[in-house]
N, C-alpha and C. Protein backbone atom coordinates (compact mmCIF):
# COMPACT_ATOMS: atom_id res chain seq x y z
N MET A 1 0.70 -1.20 -0.16
CA MET A 1 -0.14 -0.12 0.04
C MET A 1 0.83 1.25 -0.01
N PHE A 2 1.83 1.39 0.86
CA PHE A 2 2.70 2.46 1.04
C PHE A 2 3.41 2.68 -0.32
N ASP A 3 3.98 1.82 -0.83
CA ASP A 3 4.84 1.91 -1.94
C ASP A 3 3.96 2.15 -3.02
N THR A 4 2.88 1.79 -3.20
CA THR A 4 1.96 2.21 -4.48
C THR A 4 1.62 3.52 -4.33
N ASN A 5 1.25 4.17 -3.09
CA ASN A 5 0.98 5.48 -2.91
C ASN A 5 2.20 6.55 -3.05
N GLU A 6 3.36 6.07 -2.96
CA GLU A 6 4.54 6.69 -3.13
C GLU A 6 4.54 7.17 -4.37
N LEU A 7 4.49 6.22 -5.36
CA LEU A 7 4.56 6.54 -6.61
C LEU A 7 3.38 7.54 -7.20
N ARG A 8 2.32 7.34 -6.63
CA ARG A 8 1.29 8.36 -6.94
C ARG A 8 1.56 9.79 -6.48
N ILE A 9 2.18 9.87 -5.38
CA ILE A 9 2.55 11.14 -4.79
C ILE A 9 3.66 11.75 -5.66
N GLU A 10 4.62 10.78 -5.91
CA GLU A 10 5.81 11.51 -6.70
C GLU A 10 5.19 12.11 -8.14
N ARG A 11 4.26 11.25 -8.69
CA ARG A 11 3.85 11.90 -10.01
C ARG A 11 3.02 13.16 -9.79
N MET A 12 2.29 13.24 -8.70
CA MET A 12 1.32 14.37 -8.47
C MET A 12 2.32 15.49 -8.08
N PHE A 13 3.27 15.34 -7.38
CA PHE A 13 4.27 16.53 -6.96
C PHE A 13 5.61 16.81 -7.93
N ALA A 14 5.71 15.76 -8.93
CA ALA A 14 6.76 15.91 -9.63
C ALA A 14 8.08 15.80 -8.97
N GLU A 15 8.27 14.99 -7.95
CA GLU A 15 9.27 14.76 -7.08
C GLU A 15 9.63 13.40 -7.30
N THR A 16 10.93 12.83 -6.84
CA THR A 16 11.31 11.59 -6.65
C THR A 16 11.71 11.33 -5.25
N TYR A 17 11.27 10.63 -4.59
CA TYR A 17 11.54 10.18 -3.15
C TYR A 17 12.33 8.95 -2.97
N GLY A 18 11.75 7.87 -3.79
CA GLY A 18 12.47 6.61 -3.72
C GLY A 18 12.71 5.98 -2.41
N ILE A 19 11.86 6.25 -1.49
CA ILE A 19 11.81 5.52 -0.07
C ILE A 19 11.36 4.12 -0.18
N PRO A 20 12.35 3.14 0.06
CA PRO A 20 11.73 1.71 -0.11
C PRO A 20 10.79 1.37 1.09
N VAL A 21 9.79 0.79 0.85
CA VAL A 21 8.91 0.26 1.95
C VAL A 21 9.21 -1.25 2.20
N LEU A 22 9.78 -1.50 3.25
CA LEU A 22 10.09 -3.02 3.71
C LEU A 22 9.13 -3.33 4.67
N HIS A 23 8.53 -4.57 4.55
CA HIS A 23 7.53 -4.99 5.54
C HIS A 23 8.34 -5.89 6.52
N TYR A 24 7.81 -5.90 7.72
CA TYR A 24 8.34 -6.49 9.04
C TYR A 24 8.91 -7.88 8.74
N PRO A 25 8.03 -8.77 8.10
CA PRO A 25 8.71 -10.03 7.75
C PRO A 25 9.90 -10.21 6.80
N GLN A 26 9.96 -9.16 5.87
CA GLN A 26 11.04 -9.21 5.09
C GLN A 26 12.36 -8.64 5.97
N LEU A 27 12.08 -7.76 6.73
CA LEU A 27 13.26 -7.46 7.63
C LEU A 27 13.66 -8.52 8.60
N LEU A 28 12.60 -9.33 9.13
CA LEU A 28 12.90 -10.37 9.95
C LEU A 28 13.60 -11.45 9.18
N GLY A 29 13.25 -11.67 7.91
CA GLY A 29 13.85 -12.63 7.28
C GLY A 29 15.18 -12.24 6.82
N LEU A 30 15.59 -11.02 6.55
CA LEU A 30 17.07 -10.55 6.32
C LEU A 30 17.83 -10.78 7.57
N ALA A 31 17.38 -10.56 8.86
CA ALA A 31 18.13 -10.94 10.08
C ALA A 31 18.19 -12.30 10.37
N MET A 32 17.46 -13.16 9.81
CA MET A 32 17.62 -14.64 9.78
C MET A 32 18.44 -15.17 8.84
N GLY A 33 18.81 -14.32 8.01
CA GLY A 33 19.94 -14.88 6.94
C GLY A 33 19.37 -15.29 5.50
N MET A 34 17.97 -14.95 5.35
CA MET A 34 17.48 -15.20 4.09
C MET A 34 17.97 -14.16 3.06
N THR A 35 17.77 -14.68 1.79
CA THR A 35 18.31 -13.86 0.72
C THR A 35 17.18 -12.72 0.23
N PRO A 36 17.41 -11.81 -0.38
CA PRO A 36 16.44 -10.84 -0.89
C PRO A 36 15.50 -11.63 -2.01
N GLU A 37 16.16 -12.53 -2.63
CA GLU A 37 15.23 -13.23 -3.54
C GLU A 37 14.21 -14.05 -2.94
N GLU A 38 14.56 -14.80 -1.88
CA GLU A 38 13.57 -15.57 -1.07
C GLU A 38 12.59 -14.70 -0.42
N LEU A 39 12.72 -13.48 -0.25
CA LEU A 39 11.85 -12.68 0.45
C LEU A 39 11.23 -11.65 -0.56
N ALA A 40 11.32 -11.83 -1.79
CA ALA A 40 10.46 -11.21 -2.97
C ALA A 40 10.69 -9.70 -2.92
N PHE A 41 12.01 -9.39 -2.86
CA PHE A 41 12.32 -7.90 -3.03
C PHE A 41 12.18 -7.40 -4.31
N LYS A 42 12.18 -8.24 -5.30
CA LYS A 42 12.02 -7.82 -6.64
C LYS A 42 10.67 -7.42 -6.80
N GLU A 43 9.53 -7.87 -6.08
CA GLU A 43 8.11 -7.61 -6.31
C GLU A 43 7.82 -6.20 -5.76
N LEU A 44 8.72 -5.53 -5.00
CA LEU A 44 8.39 -4.29 -4.34
C LEU A 44 8.30 -3.27 -5.39
N ARG A 45 7.72 -2.20 -5.41
CA ARG A 45 7.62 -1.15 -6.42
C ARG A 45 8.80 -0.17 -6.49
N VAL A 46 9.24 0.02 -5.21
CA VAL A 46 10.29 0.98 -5.05
C VAL A 46 11.68 0.21 -4.99
N ASP A 47 12.64 0.53 -5.60
CA ASP A 47 14.01 -0.09 -5.65
C ASP A 47 14.59 -0.22 -4.23
N THR A 48 15.01 -1.32 -3.82
CA THR A 48 15.56 -1.56 -2.51
C THR A 48 17.08 -1.79 -2.66
N SER A 49 17.74 -1.64 -3.66
CA SER A 49 19.14 -2.18 -3.80
C SER A 49 20.11 -1.07 -3.03
N LYS A 50 19.69 0.16 -2.73
CA LYS A 50 20.46 1.04 -1.97
C LYS A 50 20.45 0.64 -0.53
N ILE A 51 19.21 0.37 -0.06
CA ILE A 51 19.18 -0.06 1.57
C ILE A 51 19.77 -1.43 1.56
N LEU A 52 19.84 -2.39 0.66
CA LEU A 52 20.29 -3.84 0.79
C LEU A 52 21.79 -3.59 0.91
N LYS A 53 22.28 -2.74 0.13
CA LYS A 53 23.80 -2.47 0.22
C LYS A 53 24.23 -2.21 1.75
N GLN A 54 23.52 -1.30 2.42
CA GLN A 54 23.84 -0.86 3.61
C GLN A 54 23.61 -1.91 4.57
N VAL A 55 22.50 -2.81 4.52
CA VAL A 55 22.12 -3.62 5.52
C VAL A 55 23.15 -5.03 5.37
N MET A 56 23.44 -5.41 4.22
CA MET A 56 24.09 -6.72 3.92
C MET A 56 25.57 -6.40 4.00
């Protein structure tokens, strides 16, 4: 929901925020050693590559 609305807000205000919205189970999975592929990070609308570089 939040990542969908972010794209709508970016279009409305002609701004680019690019704030990734991670869900709690995804963060928990990362903490448990799961890969981003297993946690469906590619399915998110906002790019998560920058945050994954910092976390991993």
